[in-house]
């Protein structure tokens, strides 16, 4: 115990001596520091400020810059090894480093190449501390002054080039979420925004099931910043296609028990994703309009369980309720009619599954998902009511739509959990004013 206390006393005295040298603007401070093992937590904030000031005052002190960068590397690794979160002192130091990086392109370039890109390129496993530092550095350099006559690049140009290089790298999944959070928190140049979203959406198929919704959450925040409505619809379609692939892969599992567990995992992942989307839409009307545009663009061949679930969740919002339900009803009726026609035409029976989903399968999948996302249930009930209201009345002659109506009621009756009166779908009674049956 005595030995440890004595060592701490010596460290304190040594630190005080360096602080005095810094406060006196000792010209030998950089040289004295270069001979020390510099560690971030052991050096107080005031001393770090003095060290960085000395480094800025002497841009040729490359040895000191390297010592500082090595200290930052060691500090980040210690934070990760001990699983520490960014606390008050750490946050202050991050802010300090960020502000000085905006004044020293030499330090900035070293930090970029020896720490940031090294972590991603060499696949160094880190959590969030490093990316907290880089986010702060990027925020500071984004508003830094332009390059002077003695500099080739401005700090902002250095880091913009770095971001372009990051997008070209093949990310490990362990880095995807921290990078997504970093990009989300930054004010990105317009030219970088679309490539960043594209890169993140491309990671969906690599994401562990329990982290897909968090990735979508970051993507949604970035999509809010995109100007192009077409681009937004394209990315929503990509997210929908991801779940369609997952649905098909799950259906192809041979073992019944394994398939059941896979369906539960997929349903929970999908419900969590829909929850993030629903919350974002409630907070941002413009985003809701974009998702509404995507939902309205979904035709029969795009009516997957995820797409239908998304529409049903969106119907909880009053401004989209009637329009989306009517659209969904129309597309479902079209699929029901196609299925009915395929029973009469043998060539259609073989052709249909390749082009269009089986509406009964889609409905069963959606109903199963209500166990994990009850927000879909009101929309599903409203949809059933809308279909039954439209199909329980009509002309007496057996037209294709009428046949489709009977088929549609049959589909709804076959879904467990929905109670439909036996008389529904049969046209009985008398006409009123020659128009409808009652």
Protein backbone atom coordinates (compact mmCIF):
# COMPACT_ATOMS: atom_id res chain seq x y z
CA UNK A 1 0.00 0.00 0.00
CA UNK A 2 2.85 2.37 0.97
CA UNK A 3 4.60 1.73 -2.35
CA UNK A 4 1.45 2.54 -4.35
CA UNK A 5 0.87 5.77 -2.42
CA UNK A 6 4.47 6.85 -2.93
CA UNK A 7 4.14 6.21 -6.66
CA UNK A 8 0.97 8.31 -6.82
CA UNK A 9 2.75 11.12 -4.96
CA UNK A 10 5.61 11.04 -7.46
CA UNK A 11 3.15 11.15 -10.38
CA UNK A 12 1.37 14.13 -8.79
CA UNK A 13 4.65 16.02 -8.29
CA UNK A 14 5.73 15.21 -11.84
CA UNK A 15 2.39 16.44 -13.20
CA UNK A 16 2.62 19.64 -11.17
CA UNK A 17 6.09 20.31 -12.58
CA UNK A 18 4.80 19.89 -16.13
CA UNK A 19 1.83 22.16 -15.36
CA UNK A 20 4.17 24.87 -14.07
CA UNK A 21 6.27 24.54 -17.21
CA UNK A 22 3.14 24.83 -19.33
CA UNK A 23 1.85 27.88 -17.47
CA UNK A 24 5.27 29.54 -17.85
CA UNK A 25 5.28 28.75 -21.59
CA UNK A 26 8.46 26.72 -21.13
CA UNK A 27 9.95 26.24 -24.61
CA UNK A 28 11.32 22.86 -23.50
CA UNK A 29 7.88 21.46 -22.65
CA UNK A 30 7.44 19.52 -25.91
CA UNK A 31 10.90 17.97 -25.52
CA UNK A 32 10.20 17.03 -21.90
CA UNK A 33 6.89 15.45 -22.81
CA UNK A 34 8.35 13.45 -25.68
CA UNK A 35 10.48 11.56 -23.19
CA UNK A 36 7.46 10.61 -21.06
CA UNK A 37 4.90 7.87 -21.36
CA UNK A 38 1.90 10.11 -22.01
CA UNK A 39 -1.46 8.71 -20.90
CA UNK A 40 -4.75 10.51 -21.27
CA UNK A 41 -6.53 9.77 -17.96
CA UNK A 42 -3.41 10.40 -15.82
CA UNK A 43 -2.91 13.90 -17.22
CA UNK A 44 -5.36 16.56 -16.04
CA UNK A 45 -7.41 18.62 -18.45
CA UNK A 46 -5.30 21.75 -17.83
CA UNK A 47 -2.09 19.94 -18.73
CA UNK A 48 -3.58 18.46 -21.87
CA UNK A 49 -4.63 21.94 -22.92
CA UNK A 50 -1.06 23.14 -22.39
CA UNK A 51 0.37 20.18 -24.31
CA UNK A 52 -1.90 20.76 -27.29
CA UNK A 53 -1.19 24.49 -27.22
CA UNK A 54 2.54 23.79 -27.31
CA UNK A 55 2.02 21.43 -30.23
CA UNK A 56 0.05 24.05 -32.17
CA UNK A 57 2.74 26.63 -31.46
CA UNK A 58 5.36 24.34 -32.97
CA UNK A 59 3.85 22.62 -36.05
CA UNK A 60 7.18 20.88 -36.71
CA UNK A 61 7.02 18.96 -33.42
CA UNK A 62 6.07 15.72 -35.15
CA UNK A 63 7.46 13.59 -32.33
CA UNK A 64 5.09 15.25 -29.88
CA UNK A 65 2.18 14.78 -32.29
CA UNK A 66 3.00 11.08 -32.52
CA UNK A 67 3.17 10.88 -28.71
CA UNK A 68 -0.25 12.52 -28.43
CA UNK A 69 -1.77 10.20 -31.04
CA UNK A 70 -0.33 7.14 -29.27
CA UNK A 71 -1.79 8.40 -26.01
CA UNK A 72 -5.20 8.72 -27.68
CA UNK A 73 -4.89 5.19 -29.10
CA UNK A 74 -4.04 3.79 -25.67
CA UNK A 75 -6.84 5.78 -24.04
CA UNK A 76 -9.47 4.50 -26.47
CA UNK A 77 -8.31 0.92 -25.98
CA UNK A 78 -8.46 1.31 -22.19
CA UNK A 79 -11.99 2.65 -22.43
CA UNK A 80 -13.02 -0.32 -24.55
CA UNK A 81 -11.24 -2.90 -22.38
CA UNK A 82 -12.91 -1.60 -19.23
CA UNK A 83 -16.25 -1.10 -21.03
CA UNK A 84 -16.45 2.50 -19.81
CA UNK A 85 -18.97 4.87 -21.21
CA UNK A 86 -18.11 8.46 -22.12
CA UNK A 87 -18.23 10.26 -18.77
CA UNK A 88 -17.90 13.96 -17.96
CA UNK A 89 -14.09 14.15 -17.93
CA UNK A 90 -13.83 11.99 -21.02
CA UNK A 91 -16.38 14.16 -22.84
CA UNK A 92 -14.43 17.29 -21.93
CA UNK A 93 -11.22 15.77 -23.25
CA UNK A 94 -12.97 14.71 -26.45
CA UNK A 95 -14.15 18.28 -26.95
CA UNK A 96 -10.62 19.55 -26.27
CA UNK A 97 -9.03 17.19 -28.81
CA UNK A 98 -11.68 18.08 -31.36
CA UNK A 99 -11.04 21.80 -31.04
CA UNK A 100 -7.27 21.39 -31.38
CA UNK A 101 -7.59 19.03 -34.34
CA UNK A 102 -9.38 21.83 -36.17
CA UNK A 103 -6.26 23.98 -35.69
CA UNK A 104 -3.62 21.41 -36.58
CA UNK A 105 -3.91 19.58 -39.87
CA UNK A 106 -0.82 17.58 -38.88
CA UNK A 107 -2.52 16.22 -35.74
CA UNK A 108 -5.73 15.74 -37.69
CA UNK A 109 -4.04 13.70 -40.41
CA UNK A 110 -2.22 11.54 -37.83
CA UNK A 111 -5.43 10.98 -35.87
CA UNK A 112 -7.27 10.11 -39.08
CA UNK A 113 -4.68 7.67 -40.42
CA UNK A 114 -3.22 6.16 -37.24
CA UNK A 115 -6.37 5.89 -35.16
CA UNK A 116 -9.64 6.24 -37.06
CA UNK A 117 -8.89 4.52 -40.36
CA UNK A 118 -6.63 2.05 -38.58
CA UNK A 119 -9.55 0.90 -36.43
CA UNK A 120 -11.76 0.29 -39.46
CA UNK A 121 -9.13 -0.98 -41.90
CA UNK A 122 -7.46 -3.38 -39.44
CA UNK A 123 -10.82 -4.46 -38.05
CA UNK A 124 -9.90 -3.43 -34.50
CA UNK A 125 -12.85 -4.30 -32.25
CA UNK A 126 -14.08 -1.13 -30.49
CA UNK A 127 -17.39 0.00 -29.11
CA UNK A 128 -18.40 3.64 -29.00
CA UNK A 129 -15.65 5.71 -27.36
CA UNK A 130 -13.54 6.08 -30.49
CA UNK A 131 -16.53 7.10 -32.56
CA UNK A 132 -17.56 9.66 -29.93
CA UNK A 133 -14.14 11.23 -30.38
CA UNK A 134 -14.34 11.15 -34.17
CA UNK A 135 -17.83 12.65 -34.18
CA UNK A 136 -16.59 15.56 -32.09
CA UNK A 137 -13.52 16.02 -34.30
CA UNK A 138 -15.72 16.04 -37.38
CA UNK A 139 -18.08 18.58 -35.84
CA UNK A 140 -15.18 20.88 -35.00
CA UNK A 141 -13.42 20.55 -38.34
CA UNK A 142 -16.64 21.12 -40.27
CA UNK A 143 -16.61 24.72 -39.06
CA UNK A 144 -12.82 25.14 -39.07
CA UNK A 145 -11.21 27.92 -41.13
CA UNK A 146 -9.98 27.19 -44.63
CA UNK A 147 -6.39 26.16 -45.26
CA UNK A 148 -3.76 28.84 -44.89
CA UNK A 149 -0.95 29.52 -47.36
CA UNK A 150 1.29 26.99 -45.60
CA UNK A 151 -1.31 24.17 -45.66
CA UNK A 152 -2.31 21.97 -48.59
CA UNK A 153 -5.77 21.15 -47.24
CA UNK A 154 -8.25 22.63 -44.82
CA UNK A 155 -9.25 20.47 -41.83
CA UNK A 156 -12.69 19.98 -43.37
CA UNK A 157 -11.15 18.74 -46.62
CA UNK A 158 -8.98 16.29 -44.68
CA UNK A 159 -12.00 14.74 -42.99
CA UNK A 160 -14.26 14.81 -46.04
CA UNK A 161 -11.59 12.76 -47.80
CA UNK A 162 -11.56 10.47 -44.77
CA UNK A 163 -15.33 9.95 -44.96
CA UNK A 164 -15.09 9.05 -48.64
CA UNK A 165 -12.43 6.46 -47.78
CA UNK A 166 -14.59 5.03 -45.00
CA UNK A 167 -17.45 4.48 -47.44
CA UNK A 168 -15.16 2.51 -49.74
CA UNK A 169 -14.06 0.13 -46.97
CA UNK A 170 -15.75 -3.18 -46.21
CA UNK A 171 -17.18 -2.70 -42.72
CA UNK A 172 -17.36 -5.35 -40.06
CA UNK A 173 -20.78 -5.50 -38.46
CA UNK A 174 -19.22 -4.48 -35.11
CA UNK A 175 -18.41 -1.10 -36.67
CA UNK A 176 -21.65 -0.57 -38.56
CA UNK A 177 -23.84 0.67 -35.71
CA UNK A 178 -21.19 3.03 -34.22
CA UNK A 179 -20.54 4.41 -37.71
CA UNK A 180 -24.28 4.74 -38.35
CA UNK A 181 -24.67 6.69 -35.10
CA UNK A 182 -21.69 8.86 -36.00
CA UNK A 183 -23.07 9.68 -39.46
CA UNK A 184 -26.52 10.30 -37.99
CA UNK A 185 -25.17 12.84 -35.50
CA UNK A 186 -23.17 14.75 -38.11
CA UNK A 187 -24.28 17.46 -40.48
CA UNK A 188 -23.15 15.65 -43.60
CA UNK A 189 -22.46 17.33 -46.95
CA UNK A 190 -25.33 16.66 -49.37
CA UNK A 191 -22.96 14.80 -51.69
CA UNK A 192 -22.18 12.30 -48.91
CA UNK A 193 -25.67 11.77 -47.54
CA UNK A 194 -26.98 9.44 -50.24
CA UNK A 195 -23.84 7.21 -50.34
CA UNK A 196 -23.94 6.91 -46.54
CA UNK A 197 -27.59 5.77 -46.54
CA UNK A 198 -26.90 3.37 -49.40
CA UNK A 199 -23.94 1.88 -47.50
CA UNK A 200 -25.98 1.43 -44.32
CA UNK A 201 -29.00 -0.11 -46.05
CA UNK A 202 -26.66 -2.57 -47.77
CA UNK A 203 -25.68 -3.87 -44.31
CA UNK A 204 -29.23 -5.06 -43.50
CA UNK A 205 -28.67 -8.63 -44.67
CA UNK A 206 -25.51 -8.87 -42.52
CA UNK A 207 -27.15 -7.59 -39.35
CA UNK A 208 -27.93 -9.92 -36.43
CA UNK A 209 -31.73 -10.28 -36.04
CA UNK A 210 -31.88 -8.30 -32.79
CA UNK A 211 -29.98 -5.32 -34.26
CA UNK A 212 -31.80 -4.79 -37.58
CA UNK A 213 -34.37 -2.43 -36.07
CA UNK A 214 -31.62 -0.25 -34.53
CA UNK A 215 -29.88 0.02 -37.90
CA UNK A 216 -33.21 0.98 -39.52
CA UNK A 217 -33.64 3.57 -36.75
CA UNK A 218 -30.36 5.27 -37.75
CA UNK A 219 -31.26 5.01 -41.45
CA UNK A 220 -34.64 6.70 -40.83
CA UNK A 221 -32.93 9.66 -39.15
CA UNK A 222 -30.63 10.03 -42.16
CA UNK A 223 -33.53 9.69 -44.61
CA UNK A 224 -35.16 12.73 -43.01
CA UNK A 225 -32.25 14.79 -44.35
CA UNK A 226 -32.59 13.52 -47.94
CA UNK A 227 -34.36 15.85 -50.35
CA UNK A 228 -35.30 13.31 -53.02
CA UNK A 229 -38.69 11.64 -52.42
CA UNK A 230 -37.84 9.04 -55.08
CA UNK A 231 -34.64 8.12 -53.22
CA UNK A 232 -36.56 7.74 -49.98
CA UNK A 233 -39.11 5.44 -51.61
CA UNK A 234 -36.24 3.43 -53.08
CA UNK A 235 -34.69 2.89 -49.64
CA UNK A 236 -38.04 2.00 -48.06
CA UNK A 237 -38.47 -0.56 -50.84
CA UNK A 238 -35.02 -1.99 -50.06
CA UNK A 239 -35.98 -2.39 -46.40
CA UNK A 240 -39.22 -4.09 -47.44
CA UNK A 241 -37.34 -6.42 -49.82
CA UNK A 242 -35.00 -7.42 -46.98
CA UNK A 243 -37.96 -8.68 -44.96
CA UNK A 244 -39.42 -10.42 -48.02
CA UNK A 245 -36.16 -12.36 -48.44
CA UNK A 246 -36.22 -13.23 -44.75
CA UNK A 247 -39.83 -14.39 -45.05
CA UNK A 248 -38.97 -16.69 -47.98
CA UNK A 249 -35.89 -18.08 -46.24
CA UNK A 250 -37.96 -18.83 -43.14
CA UNK A 251 -40.68 -20.55 -45.18
CA UNK A 252 -38.01 -22.77 -46.78
CA UNK A 253 -36.82 -24.22 -43.44
CA UNK A 254 -37.65 -27.92 -43.49
CA UNK A 255 -37.76 -28.66 -39.76
CA UNK A 256 -41.14 -27.60 -38.38
CA UNK A 257 -39.85 -26.58 -34.93
CA UNK A 258 -36.91 -24.62 -36.39
CA UNK A 259 -39.28 -22.87 -38.78
CA UNK A 260 -41.60 -21.93 -35.92
CA UNK A 261 -38.74 -20.38 -33.93
CA UNK A 262 -37.46 -18.59 -37.04
CA UNK A 263 -40.92 -17.14 -37.68
CA UNK A 264 -41.11 -15.82 -34.12
CA UNK A 265 -37.68 -14.18 -34.44
CA UNK A 266 -38.61 -12.65 -37.79
CA UNK A 267 -41.94 -11.41 -36.45
CA UNK A 268 -40.29 -9.72 -33.46
CA UNK A 269 -37.59 -8.16 -35.64
CA UNK A 270 -40.20 -6.87 -38.05
CA UNK A 271 -42.41 -5.52 -35.26
CA UNK A 272 -39.49 -3.66 -33.70
CA UNK A 273 -38.63 -2.14 -37.08
CA UNK A 274 -42.24 -1.06 -37.62
CA UNK A 275 -42.26 0.50 -34.16
CA UNK A 276 -39.24 2.67 -35.07
CA UNK A 277 -40.89 3.65 -38.35
CA UNK A 278 -44.19 4.46 -36.67
CA UNK A 279 -42.53 6.64 -34.02
CA UNK A 280 -40.51 8.50 -36.65
CA UNK A 281 -43.63 9.12 -38.75
CA UNK A 282 -45.50 10.53 -35.75
CA UNK A 283 -42.62 12.91 -35.05
CA UNK A 284 -42.04 14.00 -38.64
CA UNK A 285 -45.04 14.62 -40.91
CA UNK A 286 -42.83 15.00 -44.00
CA UNK A 287 -41.37 11.53 -43.41
CA UNK A 288 -44.90 10.19 -43.01
CA UNK A 289 -45.80 11.61 -46.42
CA UNK A 290 -42.75 9.84 -47.91
CA UNK A 291 -43.69 6.50 -46.34
CA UNK A 292 -47.28 7.06 -47.48
CA UNK A 293 -46.00 7.58 -51.03
CA UNK A 294 -44.07 4.31 -50.80
CA UNK A 295 -47.11 2.45 -49.44
CA UNK A 296 -49.32 3.82 -52.23
CA UNK A 297 -46.77 2.66 -54.81
CA UNK A 298 -47.05 -0.97 -53.63
CA UNK A 299 -48.90 -3.02 -56.21
CA UNK A 300 -50.00 -6.65 -56.20
CA UNK A 301 -46.57 -8.16 -56.77
CA UNK A 302 -45.14 -6.08 -53.91
CA UNK A 303 -47.78 -6.97 -51.34
CA UNK A 304 -45.51 -8.81 -48.89
CA UNK A 305 -46.34 -9.43 -45.21
CA UNK A 306 -44.01 -6.57 -44.21
CA UNK A 307 -45.56 -4.18 -46.76
CA UNK A 308 -49.07 -5.01 -45.60
CA UNK A 309 -48.04 -4.72 -41.95
CA UNK A 310 -46.52 -1.30 -42.66
CA UNK A 311 -49.75 -0.11 -44.29
CA UNK A 312 -51.85 -1.42 -41.41
CA UNK A 313 -49.66 0.34 -38.85
CA UNK A 314 -49.85 3.58 -40.84
CA UNK A 315 -53.65 3.44 -40.91
CA UNK A 316 -53.58 4.39 -37.22
CA UNK A 317 -52.67 7.88 -38.41
CA UNK A 318 -55.90 9.67 -39.29
CA UNK A 319 -54.59 11.47 -42.38
CA UNK A 320 -53.59 8.18 -44.07
CA UNK A 321 -56.31 5.84 -42.77
CA UNK A 322 -58.97 5.89 -45.48
CA UNK A 323 -56.68 6.25 -48.49
CA UNK A 324 -54.35 3.40 -47.50
CA UNK A 325 -57.16 1.01 -46.57
CA UNK A 326 -58.90 1.65 -49.89
CA UNK A 327 -55.62 1.10 -51.75
CA UNK A 328 -54.92 -2.14 -49.87
CA UNK A 329 -58.46 -3.40 -50.47
CA UNK A 330 -58.14 -2.70 -54.21
CA UNK A 331 -54.85 -4.60 -54.51
CA UNK A 332 -56.14 -7.52 -52.45
CA UNK A 333 -59.27 -7.76 -54.59
CA UNK A 334 -57.03 -7.86 -57.66
CA UNK A 335 -55.04 -10.76 -56.19
CA UNK A 336 -58.20 -12.61 -55.17
CA UNK A 337 -59.58 -12.21 -58.69
CA UNK A 338 -56.33 -13.54 -60.18
CA UNK A 339 -56.42 -16.57 -57.89
CA UNK A 340 -60.03 -17.23 -58.87
CA UNK A 341 -59.21 -16.94 -62.59
CA UNK A 342 -56.23 -19.28 -62.19
CA UNK A 343 -58.58 -22.08 -61.14
CA UNK A 344 -60.30 -21.84 -64.53
CA UNK A 345 -57.15 -21.41 -66.64
CA UNK A 346 -54.49 -24.06 -66.13
CA UNK A 347 -51.68 -21.95 -67.64
CA UNK A 348 -52.31 -19.23 -65.03
CA UNK A 349 -52.11 -21.69 -62.17
CA UNK A 350 -48.45 -22.38 -62.90
CA UNK A 351 -47.64 -18.78 -63.77
CA UNK A 352 -49.25 -17.02 -60.82
CA UNK A 353 -46.88 -17.98 -57.94
CA UNK A 354 -43.88 -16.62 -59.88
CA UNK A 355 -45.39 -13.16 -60.22
CA UNK A 356 -47.77 -12.61 -57.31
CA UNK A 357 -47.95 -13.58 -53.63
CA UNK A 358 -50.68 -15.91 -52.40
CA UNK A 359 -53.01 -13.58 -50.52
CA UNK A 360 -54.08 -16.25 -48.01
CA UNK A 361 -50.44 -16.81 -46.99
CA UNK A 362 -49.86 -13.07 -46.66
CA UNK A 363 -52.95 -12.62 -44.48
CA UNK A 364 -51.98 -15.51 -42.20
CA UNK A 365 -48.47 -14.11 -41.79
CA UNK A 366 -49.80 -10.65 -40.98
CA UNK A 367 -52.28 -12.00 -38.44
CA UNK A 368 -49.53 -14.02 -36.75
CA UNK A 369 -47.49 -10.82 -36.45
CA UNK A 370 -50.23 -9.11 -34.45
CA UNK A 371 -49.07 -11.21 -31.48
CA UNK A 372 -45.91 -9.07 -31.37
CA UNK A 373 -47.30 -5.84 -32.79
CA UNK A 374 -50.85 -5.17 -31.66
CA UNK A 375 -50.82 -1.82 -33.52
CA UNK A 376 -51.59 -3.76 -36.72
CA UNK A 377 -54.77 -5.28 -35.34
CA UNK A 378 -57.06 -2.20 -35.55
CA UNK A 379 -56.03 -1.68 -39.17
CA UNK A 380 -56.63 -5.36 -39.93
CA UNK A 381 -60.12 -5.21 -38.43
CA UNK A 382 -60.89 -2.02 -40.35
CA UNK A 383 -59.64 -3.68 -43.53
CA UNK A 384 -61.85 -6.73 -42.94
CA UNK A 385 -64.85 -4.49 -42.30
CA UNK A 386 -64.17 -2.49 -45.45
CA UNK A 387 -63.88 -5.62 -47.59
CA UNK A 388 -66.99 -7.22 -46.12
CA UNK A 389 -69.01 -4.02 -46.52
CA UNK A 390 -68.08 -3.91 -50.18
CA UNK A 391 -68.49 -7.61 -50.90
CA UNK A 392 -71.73 -8.36 -49.07
CA UNK A 393 -73.78 -6.27 -51.52
CA UNK A 394 -73.82 -6.22 -55.29
CA UNK A 395 -75.52 -7.39 -58.50
CA UNK A 396 -77.01 -10.85 -58.63
CA UNK A 397 -75.26 -11.96 -61.80
CA UNK A 398 -72.10 -14.04 -61.32
CA UNK A 399 -69.49 -11.69 -62.68
CA UNK A 400 -65.76 -12.16 -62.09
CA UNK A 401 -65.71 -9.49 -59.37
CA UNK A 402 -68.67 -11.18 -57.69
CA UNK A 403 -66.84 -14.49 -57.77
CA UNK A 404 -63.82 -12.74 -56.40
CA UNK A 405 -66.05 -11.35 -53.65
CA UNK A 406 -67.08 -14.83 -52.53
CA UNK A 407 -63.45 -15.93 -52.69
CA UNK A 408 -62.44 -12.89 -50.63
CA UNK A 409 -64.94 -13.69 -47.88
CA UNK A 410 -63.66 -17.25 -47.94
CA UNK A 411 -60.12 -16.01 -47.39
CA UNK A 412 -61.20 -13.92 -44.42
CA UNK A 413 -63.23 -16.79 -42.94
CA UNK A 414 -60.20 -19.06 -43.17
CA UNK A 415 -58.10 -16.78 -40.96
CA UNK A 416 -58.15 -18.03 -37.36
CA UNK A 417 -59.10 -15.33 -34.91
CA UNK A 418 -61.52 -13.42 -37.14
CA UNK A 419 -65.19 -14.20 -36.47
CA UNK A 420 -67.26 -13.72 -39.62
CA UNK A 421 -71.02 -14.43 -39.70
CA UNK A 422 -71.92 -17.43 -41.94
CA UNK A 423 -74.28 -15.26 -43.98
CA UNK A 424 -71.49 -12.92 -45.08
CA UNK A 425 -70.75 -13.22 -48.75
CA UNK A 426 -74.23 -14.55 -49.65
CA UNK A 427 -76.55 -12.09 -51.36
CA UNK A 428 -79.92 -12.69 -49.77
CA UNK A 429 -82.96 -10.50 -49.13
CA UNK A 430 -84.37 -7.81 -51.37
CA UNK A 431 -83.16 -4.82 -53.39
CA UNK A 432 -83.59 -1.30 -52.08
CA UNK A 433 -84.27 1.30 -54.80
CA UNK A 434 -82.96 -1.17 -57.35
CA UNK A 435 -79.38 -0.61 -56.25
CA UNK A 436 -78.32 -2.74 -53.28
CA UNK A 437 -79.28 -5.91 -51.47
CA UNK A 438 -80.30 -5.93 -47.79
